[in-house]
Amino acid sequence: MKINLTHRDFITTPDIAPPELIDFYFEYDTQKKLIKKTSGIYSSNGYFLNNFYTSLIYKGNKVTVEEFSSLATHIVFKNTNYYTLNNKNQIIIREIPDTQHNDRYKKYLYKYDNNKLIEITTTLPNRPYDINKPYYSYVLTYSEKLYYDSNGNLSKTEYYEQHDGVNVGNKIIRTFEDYDTSYNPTKRLFLLEEYFYRSLSNNNFRKYTKNTYGEFNNLISFSTTSLGFTYDSSGNIIIN
């Protein structure tokens, strides 16, 4: 997998590994805030085609994250996300609008303890509630709890669907294992959803497992990803 990055940053996703010929470049402002992620492919003559990018626009403690394409023939959904940060530069609110289905608007609330994220609660504030209609007869929310090891690394998350605040069978269990002792070069990428989990730890996991369960605790899907990095003589990740 070939990855070229500006500012000597490092990137790898827990769920999706980028194809071999896709490269990523990151841009920061003078305060070292991430303002743009550019991705593209190499053409047959060796030129880098930076066709797709993610924009991050800051206004006070608010950040708007959107995706774009420079190709007129390729439409990209903006996937707009609105973030609110606290005075420690941590996410406290994330909002995902849905312009076509207002009842699908999602609002995420982030809870911290000793500067560690311990729970994310997802609400659907515009979802209708009607006690006479089975599908809408309860308040639908989701709760994801996060757990860490003694080194300050994310070890597991438990994501549950909730009806009226009570966990039901549908859940996703993620585990993060085989951590190295290197510094974590993805911490500044926490506003990019694909790197959010990785950015929470002090070091870097090399094994990721995701189990999805149904209503009756039956395993629906299972995936495991193993990752390998290159290190220097001090045990720190080498950035290409």
C-alpha atoms as a PDB file:
ATOM      1  CA  MET A   1       0.000   0.000   0.000  1.00  0.00           C
ATOM      2  CA  LYS A   2       1.620   3.242  -1.134  1.00  0.00           C
ATOM      3  CA  ILE A   3       0.752   6.352   0.876  1.00  0.00           C
ATOM      4  CA  ASN A   4       2.292   9.772   0.385  1.00  0.00           C
ATOM      5  CA  LEU A   5       1.438  12.443   2.941  1.00  0.00           C
ATOM      6  CA  THR A   6       2.243  16.076   3.520  1.00  0.00           C
ATOM      7  CA  HIS A   7       3.456  17.338   6.904  1.00  0.00           C
ATOM      8  CA  ARG A   8       4.801  13.880   7.653  1.00  0.00           C
ATOM      9  CA  ASP A   9       1.412  12.654   8.822  1.00  0.00           C
ATOM     10  CA  PHE A  10       0.256   9.076   9.019  1.00  0.00           C
ATOM     11  CA  ILE A  11      -3.001   7.492   7.999  1.00  0.00           C
ATOM     12  CA  THR A  12      -4.733   4.142   8.163  1.00  0.00           C
ATOM     13  CA  THR A  13      -8.379   3.298   8.681  1.00  0.00           C
ATOM     14  CA  PRO A  14      -9.851   0.609  10.944  1.00  0.00           C
ATOM     15  CA  ASP A  15     -12.643  -0.487   8.610  1.00  0.00           C
ATOM     16  CA  ILE A  16     -11.415   0.272   5.102  1.00  0.00           C
ATOM     17  CA  ALA A  17      -7.867   0.042   3.820  1.00  0.00           C
ATOM     18  CA  PRO A  18      -7.315   2.411   0.870  1.00  0.00           C
ATOM     19  CA  PRO A  19      -6.454   0.884  -2.518  1.00  0.00           C
ATOM     20  CA  GLU A  20      -2.785   0.706  -3.401  1.00  0.00           C
ATOM     21  CA  LEU A  21      -2.724   3.616  -5.823  1.00  0.00           C
ATOM     22  CA  ILE A  22      -4.700   6.074  -3.689  1.00  0.00           C
ATOM     23  CA  ASP A  23      -2.656   8.774  -1.956  1.00  0.00           C
ATOM     24  CA  PHE A  24      -3.705  11.233   0.734  1.00  0.00           C
ATOM     25  CA  TYR A  25      -2.418  14.727   1.454  1.00  0.00           C
ATOM     26  CA  PHE A  26      -3.236  16.893   4.457  1.00  0.00           C
ATOM     27  CA  GLU A  27      -3.150  20.662   4.850  1.00  0.00           C
ATOM     28  CA  TYR A  28      -3.144  22.664   8.090  1.00  0.00           C
ATOM     29  CA  ASP A  29      -3.575  26.291   9.018  1.00  0.00           C
ATOM     30  CA  THR A  30      -1.074  28.330  11.030  1.00  0.00           C
ATOM     31  CA  GLN A  31      -2.587  26.974  14.274  1.00  0.00           C
ATOM     32  CA  LYS A  32      -1.924  23.408  13.083  1.00  0.00           C
ATOM     33  CA  LYS A  33      -5.625  22.740  12.578  1.00  0.00           C
ATOM     34  CA  LEU A  34      -6.473  20.318   9.798  1.00  0.00           C
ATOM     35  CA  ILE A  35      -8.243  22.227   7.011  1.00  0.00           C
ATOM     36  CA  LYS A  36      -8.129  19.864   4.031  1.00  0.00           C
ATOM     37  CA  LYS A  37      -7.626  16.224   3.117  1.00  0.00           C
ATOM     38  CA  THR A  38      -6.996  15.549  -0.564  1.00  0.00           C
ATOM     39  CA  SER A  39      -7.175  12.087  -2.105  1.00  0.00           C
ATOM     40  CA  GLY A  40      -6.588  10.924  -5.630  1.00  0.00           C
ATOM     41  CA  ILE A  41      -5.001   8.365  -7.902  1.00  0.00           C
ATOM     42  CA  TYR A  42      -1.946   8.178 -10.098  1.00  0.00           C
ATOM     43  CA  SER A  43      -2.591   8.300 -13.831  1.00  0.00           C
ATOM     44  CA  SER A  44      -0.881   5.964 -16.272  1.00  0.00           C
ATOM     45  CA  ASN A  45       1.781   8.626 -16.982  1.00  0.00           C
ATOM     46  CA  GLY A  46       2.588   9.044 -13.297  1.00  0.00           C
ATOM     47  CA  TYR A  47       0.749  12.297 -12.555  1.00  0.00           C
ATOM     48  CA  PHE A  48      -1.211  12.593  -9.315  1.00  0.00           C
ATOM     49  CA  LEU A  49      -4.871  13.393  -9.964  1.00  0.00           C
ATOM     50  CA  ASN A  50      -6.187  15.107  -6.839  1.00  0.00           C
ATOM     51  CA  ASN A  51      -9.847  14.701  -7.704  1.00  0.00           C
ATOM     52  CA  PHE A  52     -11.440  14.368  -4.285  1.00  0.00           C
ATOM     53  CA  TYR A  53     -11.057  16.348  -1.100  1.00  0.00           C
ATOM     54  CA  THR A  54     -12.532  16.925   2.331  1.00  0.00           C
ATOM     55  CA  SER A  55     -12.852  20.490   3.570  1.00  0.00           C
ATOM     56  CA  LEU A  56     -12.800  21.572   7.231  1.00  0.00           C
ATOM     57  CA  ILE A  57     -13.992  25.123   7.955  1.00  0.00           C
ATOM     58  CA  TYR A  58     -13.628  26.574  11.461  1.00  0.00           C
ATOM     59  CA  LYS A  59     -15.744  29.340  12.995  1.00  0.00           C
ATOM     60  CA  GLY A  60     -15.067  29.777  16.688  1.00  0.00           C
ATOM     61  CA  ASN A  61     -15.665  26.383  18.299  1.00  0.00           C
ATOM     62  CA  LYS A  62     -17.731  25.166  15.332  1.00  0.00           C
ATOM     63  CA  VAL A  63     -16.339  23.070  12.460  1.00  0.00           C
ATOM     64  CA  THR A  64     -18.057  22.158   9.186  1.00  0.00           C
ATOM     65  CA  VAL A  65     -16.693  19.067   7.429  1.00  0.00           C
ATOM     66  CA  GLU A  66     -17.755  18.345   3.834  1.00  0.00           C
ATOM     67  CA  GLU A  67     -16.596  16.279   0.848  1.00  0.00           C
ATOM     68  CA  PHE A  68     -16.132  17.527  -2.717  1.00  0.00           C
ATOM     69  CA  SER A  69     -15.011  16.416  -6.173  1.00  0.00           C
ATOM     70  CA  SER A  70     -13.183  18.491  -8.764  1.00  0.00           C
ATOM     71  CA  LEU A  71     -14.535  16.257 -11.539  1.00  0.00           C
ATOM     72  CA  ALA A  72     -17.650  17.588 -13.256  1.00  0.00           C
ATOM     73  CA  THR A  73     -18.510  14.043 -14.296  1.00  0.00           C
ATOM     74  CA  HIS A  74     -18.309  12.653 -10.761  1.00  0.00           C
ATOM     75  CA  ILE A  75     -20.903  13.744  -8.201  1.00  0.00           C
ATOM     76  CA  VAL A  76     -19.906  13.414  -4.571  1.00  0.00           C
ATOM     77  CA  PHE A  77     -22.398  13.717  -1.739  1.00  0.00           C
ATOM     78  CA  LYS A  78     -21.137  16.359   0.677  1.00  0.00           C
ATOM     79  CA  ASN A  79     -21.796  14.169   3.728  1.00  0.00           C
ATOM     80  CA  THR A  80     -21.980  17.368   5.755  1.00  0.00           C
ATOM     81  CA  ASN A  81     -21.012  17.089   9.425  1.00  0.00           C
ATOM     82  CA  TYR A  82     -21.235  19.931  11.941  1.00  0.00           C
ATOM     83  CA  TYR A  83     -18.976  19.655  14.996  1.00  0.00           C
ATOM     84  CA  THR A  84     -18.895  21.664  18.220  1.00  0.00           C
ATOM     85  CA  LEU A  85     -15.635  21.576  20.210  1.00  0.00           C
ATOM     86  CA  ASN A  86     -14.924  22.361  23.843  1.00  0.00           C
ATOM     87  CA  ASN A  87     -12.046  24.477  25.128  1.00  0.00           C
ATOM     88  CA  LYS A  88      -9.790  21.382  25.085  1.00  0.00           C
ATOM     89  CA  ASN A  89     -10.367  20.925  21.349  1.00  0.00           C
ATOM     90  CA  GLN A  90     -12.502  17.828  21.946  1.00  0.00           C
ATOM     91  CA  ILE A  91     -15.749  17.052  20.184  1.00  0.00           C
ATOM     92  CA  ILE A  92     -18.810  17.599  22.368  1.00  0.00           C
ATOM     93  CA  ILE A  93     -21.530  17.665  19.684  1.00  0.00           C
ATOM     94  CA  ARG A  94     -21.702  16.234  16.188  1.00  0.00           C
ATOM     95  CA  GLU A  95     -24.687  16.870  13.906  1.00  0.00           C
ATOM     96  CA  ILE A  96     -25.489  15.118  10.637  1.00  0.00           C
ATOM     97  CA  PRO A  97     -28.371  16.715   8.715  1.00  0.00           C
ATOM     98  CA  ASP A  98     -30.486  14.948   6.105  1.00  0.00           C
ATOM     99  CA  THR A  99     -31.897  17.438   3.613  1.00  0.00           C
ATOM    100  CA  GLN A 100     -34.362  14.941   2.149  1.00  0.00           C
ATOM    101  CA  HIS A 101     -35.540  13.209   5.328  1.00  0.00           C
ATOM    102  CA  ASN A 102     -35.622  15.593   8.281  1.00  0.00           C
ATOM    103  CA  ASP A 103     -36.569  12.798  10.687  1.00  0.00           C
ATOM    104  CA  ARG A 104     -33.179  11.168   9.983  1.00  0.00           C
ATOM    105  CA  TYR A 105     -31.208  14.133  11.323  1.00  0.00           C
ATOM    106  CA  LYS A 106     -28.735  12.780  13.899  1.00  0.00           C
ATOM    107  CA  LYS A 107     -27.202  14.484  16.886  1.00  0.00           C
ATOM    108  CA  TYR A 108     -24.284  12.934  18.797  1.00  0.00           C
ATOM    109  CA  LEU A 109     -23.379  13.919  22.355  1.00  0.00           C
ATOM    110  CA  TYR A 110     -19.865  13.153  23.676  1.00  0.00           C
ATOM    111  CA  LYS A 111     -19.120  12.482  27.357  1.00  0.00           C
ATOM    112  CA  TYR A 112     -15.607  12.645  28.846  1.00  0.00           C
ATOM    113  CA  ASP A 113     -13.973  11.549  32.080  1.00  0.00           C
ATOM    114  CA  ASN A 114     -10.417  12.668  32.907  1.00  0.00           C
ATOM    115  CA  ASN A 115     -10.032  13.886  29.313  1.00  0.00           C
ATOM    116  CA  LYS A 116     -10.945  10.446  27.938  1.00  0.00           C
ATOM    117  CA  LEU A 117     -14.041   9.963  25.794  1.00  0.00           C
ATOM    118  CA  ILE A 118     -16.203   7.388  27.578  1.00  0.00           C
ATOM    119  CA  GLU A 119     -19.587   7.530  25.823  1.00  0.00           C
ATOM    120  CA  ILE A 120     -21.239   8.771  22.635  1.00  0.00           C
ATOM    121  CA  THR A 121     -25.034   9.060  22.666  1.00  0.00           C
ATOM    122  CA  THR A 122     -26.833   9.319  19.337  1.00  0.00           C
ATOM    123  CA  THR A 123     -30.272  10.900  19.193  1.00  0.00           C
ATOM    124  CA  LEU A 124     -32.781  11.471  16.390  1.00  0.00           C
ATOM    125  CA  PRO A 125     -34.554  14.612  17.659  1.00  0.00           C
ATOM    126  CA  ASN A 126     -36.890  14.925  14.667  1.00  0.00           C
ATOM    127  CA  ARG A 127     -38.028  11.303  14.593  1.00  0.00           C
ATOM    128  CA  PRO A 128     -41.804  11.155  15.121  1.00  0.00           C
ATOM    129  CA  TYR A 129     -43.257   9.572  18.243  1.00  0.00           C
ATOM    130  CA  ASP A 130     -46.682   7.941  18.101  1.00  0.00           C
ATOM    131  CA  ILE A 131     -47.712   5.435  20.734  1.00  0.00           C
ATOM    132  CA  ASN A 132     -50.292   4.014  18.322  1.00  0.00           C
ATOM    133  CA  LYS A 133     -47.719   3.089  15.689  1.00  0.00           C
ATOM    134  CA  PRO A 134     -45.377   0.237  16.713  1.00  0.00           C
ATOM    135  CA  TYR A 135     -42.337   1.526  14.805  1.00  0.00           C
ATOM    136  CA  TYR A 136     -42.646   5.003  16.335  1.00  0.00           C
ATOM    137  CA  SER A 137     -43.965   4.050  19.780  1.00  0.00           C
ATOM    138  CA  TYR A 138     -40.590   4.507  21.505  1.00  0.00           C
ATOM    139  CA  VAL A 139     -37.752   7.026  21.602  1.00  0.00           C
ATOM    140  CA  LEU A 140     -34.914   5.630  19.490  1.00  0.00           C
ATOM    141  CA  THR A 141     -31.347   6.382  20.607  1.00  0.00           C
ATOM    142  CA  TYR A 142     -27.941   4.697  20.442  1.00  0.00           C
ATOM    143  CA  SER A 143     -25.240   4.488  23.090  1.00  0.00           C
ATOM    144  CA  GLU A 144     -21.588   3.676  22.488  1.00  0.00           C
ATOM    145  CA  LYS A 145     -19.344   3.174  25.510  1.00  0.00           C
ATOM    146  CA  LEU A 146     -15.558   3.261  25.168  1.00  0.00           C
ATOM    147  CA  TYR A 147     -12.988   1.437  27.300  1.00  0.00           C
ATOM    148  CA  TYR A 148      -9.229   1.946  27.620  1.00  0.00           C
ATOM    149  CA  ASP A 149      -6.257  -0.076  28.831  1.00  0.00           C
ATOM    150  CA  SER A 150      -3.689   1.009  31.420  1.00  0.00           C
ATOM    151  CA  ASN A 151      -1.596   2.719  28.707  1.00  0.00           C
ATOM    152  CA  GLY A 152      -4.413   5.018  27.679  1.00  0.00           C
ATOM    153  CA  ASN A 153      -5.214   3.081  24.507  1.00  0.00           C
ATOM    154  CA  LEU A 154      -8.739   2.339  23.313  1.00  0.00           C
ATOM    155  CA  SER A 155      -9.370  -1.370  23.878  1.00  0.00           C
ATOM    156  CA  LYS A 156     -13.081  -1.861  23.188  1.00  0.00           C
ATOM    157  CA  THR A 157     -16.321  -0.082  22.290  1.00  0.00           C
ATOM    158  CA  GLU A 158     -19.872  -1.322  22.866  1.00  0.00           C
ATOM    159  CA  TYR A 159     -22.521   0.227  20.620  1.00  0.00           C
ATOM    160  CA  TYR A 160     -26.168  -0.503  21.497  1.00  0.00           C
ATOM    161  CA  GLU A 161     -29.514   0.411  19.998  1.00  0.00           C
ATOM    162  CA  GLN A 162     -31.834   1.755  22.705  1.00  0.00           C
ATOM    163  CA  HIS A 163     -35.605   2.019  22.993  1.00  0.00           C
ATOM    164  CA  ASP A 164     -36.698   4.544  25.610  1.00  0.00           C
ATOM    165  CA  GLY A 165     -33.162   4.492  26.995  1.00  0.00           C
ATOM    166  CA  VAL A 166     -32.987   0.703  27.388  1.00  0.00           C
ATOM    167  CA  ASN A 167     -30.489  -1.437  25.455  1.00  0.00           C
ATOM    168  CA  VAL A 168     -32.003  -3.892  22.998  1.00  0.00           C
ATOM    169  CA  GLY A 169     -30.298  -6.797  21.264  1.00  0.00           C
ATOM    170  CA  ASN A 170     -28.876  -4.949  18.258  1.00  0.00           C
ATOM    171  CA  LYS A 171     -25.264  -4.058  18.996  1.00  0.00           C
ATOM    172  CA  ILE A 172     -21.753  -3.640  17.553  1.00  0.00           C
ATOM    173  CA  ILE A 173     -18.674  -4.668  19.529  1.00  0.00           C
ATOM    174  CA  ARG A 174     -15.310  -3.321  18.364  1.00  0.00           C
ATOM    175  CA  THR A 175     -11.962  -4.396  19.805  1.00  0.00           C
ATOM    176  CA  PHE A 176      -8.572  -2.770  19.281  1.00  0.00           C
ATOM    177  CA  GLU A 177      -5.498  -4.884  20.033  1.00  0.00           C
ATOM    178  CA  ASP A 178      -1.764  -5.432  19.534  1.00  0.00           C
ATOM    179  CA  TYR A 179      -0.707  -1.865  20.275  1.00  0.00           C
ATOM    180  CA  ASP A 180       2.828  -0.728  19.556  1.00  0.00           C
ATOM    181  CA  THR A 181       4.842   1.699  21.717  1.00  0.00           C
ATOM    182  CA  SER A 182       5.132   4.402  19.063  1.00  0.00           C
ATOM    183  CA  TYR A 183       3.621   7.876  19.325  1.00  0.00           C
ATOM    184  CA  ASN A 184       0.250   8.193  17.573  1.00  0.00           C
ATOM    185  CA  PRO A 185       0.540  10.403  14.454  1.00  0.00           C
ATOM    186  CA  THR A 186      -3.238  10.489  13.813  1.00  0.00           C
ATOM    187  CA  LYS A 187      -4.322  12.570  16.799  1.00  0.00           C
ATOM    188  CA  ARG A 188      -4.903  15.665  14.659  1.00  0.00           C
ATOM    189  CA  LEU A 189      -7.182  13.671  12.330  1.00  0.00           C
ATOM    190  CA  PHE A 190      -9.975  13.233  14.880  1.00  0.00           C
ATOM    191  CA  LEU A 191     -12.483  15.246  12.803  1.00  0.00           C
ATOM    192  CA  LEU A 192     -12.194  12.750   9.952  1.00  0.00           C
ATOM    193  CA  GLU A 193     -14.639   9.984  10.776  1.00  0.00           C
ATOM    194  CA  GLU A 194     -12.514   7.209   9.285  1.00  0.00           C
ATOM    195  CA  TYR A 195      -9.667   7.952  11.721  1.00  0.00           C
ATOM    196  CA  PHE A 196     -11.656   8.917  14.781  1.00  0.00           C
ATOM    197  CA  TYR A 197     -11.179   5.702  16.773  1.00  0.00           C
ATOM    198  CA  ARG A 198      -7.451   5.585  16.041  1.00  0.00           C
ATOM    199  CA  SER A 199      -6.975   9.189  17.149  1.00  0.00           C
ATOM    200  CA  LEU A 200      -8.191   8.444  20.697  1.00  0.00           C
ATOM    201  CA  SER A 201      -5.185   6.360  21.770  1.00  0.00           C
ATOM    202  CA  ASN A 202      -1.635   7.167  22.816  1.00  0.00           C
ATOM    203  CA  ASN A 203      -0.197   4.414  20.599  1.00  0.00           C
ATOM    204  CA  ASN A 204      -1.290   2.531  17.458  1.00  0.00           C
ATOM    205  CA  PHE A 205      -3.393  -0.621  17.276  1.00  0.00           C
ATOM    206  CA  ARG A 206      -2.401  -3.287  14.759  1.00  0.00           C
ATOM    207  CA  LYS A 207      -5.459  -5.512  15.056  1.00  0.00           C
ATOM    208  CA  TYR A 208      -9.074  -4.436  14.765  1.00  0.00           C
ATOM    209  CA  THR A 209     -12.181  -6.617  15.135  1.00  0.00           C
ATOM    210  CA  LYS A 210     -15.808  -5.700  14.531  1.00  0.00           C
ATOM    211  CA  ASN A 211     -18.727  -7.962  15.530  1.00  0.00           C
ATOM    212  CA  THR A 212     -22.324  -7.066  14.690  1.00  0.00           C
ATOM    213  CA  TYR A 213     -25.179  -8.756  16.571  1.00  0.00           C
ATOM    214  CA  GLY A 214     -28.903  -8.906  15.891  1.00  0.00           C
ATOM    215  CA  GLU A 215     -31.967  -8.583  18.074  1.00  0.00           C
ATOM    216  CA  PHE A 216     -31.527 -12.008  19.689  1.00  0.00           C
ATOM    217  CA  ASN A 217     -27.771 -11.631  20.259  1.00  0.00           C
ATOM    218  CA  ASN A 218     -27.080 -13.627  17.102  1.00  0.00           C
ATOM    219  CA  LEU A 219     -23.841 -12.826  15.295  1.00  0.00           C
ATOM    220  CA  ILE A 220     -24.709 -11.189  11.951  1.00  0.00           C
ATOM    221  CA  SER A 221     -21.260 -10.248  10.705  1.00  0.00           C
ATOM    222  CA  PHE A 222     -17.636 -10.533  11.783  1.00  0.00           C
ATOM    223  CA  SER A 223     -14.461  -8.934  10.478  1.00  0.00           C
ATOM    224  CA  THR A 224     -10.852  -8.764  11.585  1.00  0.00           C
ATOM    225  CA  THR A 225      -8.152  -6.509  10.157  1.00  0.00           C
ATOM    226  CA  SER A 226      -4.429  -6.823  10.884  1.00  0.00           C
ATOM    227  CA  LEU A 227      -2.109  -3.925  10.131  1.00  0.00           C
ATOM    228  CA  GLY A 228       1.644  -3.756   9.773  1.00  0.00           C
ATOM    229  CA  PHE A 229       3.794  -0.642  10.128  1.00  0.00           C
ATOM    230  CA  THR A 230       7.439   0.215   9.563  1.00  0.00           C
ATOM    231  CA  TYR A 231       9.390   1.452  12.603  1.00  0.00           C
ATOM    232  CA  ASP A 232      12.708   3.159  13.203  1.00  0.00           C
ATOM    233  CA  SER A 233      15.359   1.963  15.669  1.00  0.00           C
ATOM    234  CA  SER A 234      13.532   3.782  18.507  1.00  0.00           C
ATOM    235  CA  GLY A 235      10.275   1.948  17.835  1.00  0.00           C
ATOM    236  CA  ASN A 236       8.462   4.917  16.279  1.00  0.00           C
ATOM    237  CA  ILE A 237       6.419   4.639  13.107  1.00  0.00           C
ATOM    238  CA  ILE A 238       8.247   5.739   9.974  1.00  0.00           C
ATOM    239  CA  ILE A 239       6.170   8.098   7.838  1.00  0.00           C
ATOM    240  CA  ASN A 240       6.734   7.770   4.098  1.00  0.00           C
END
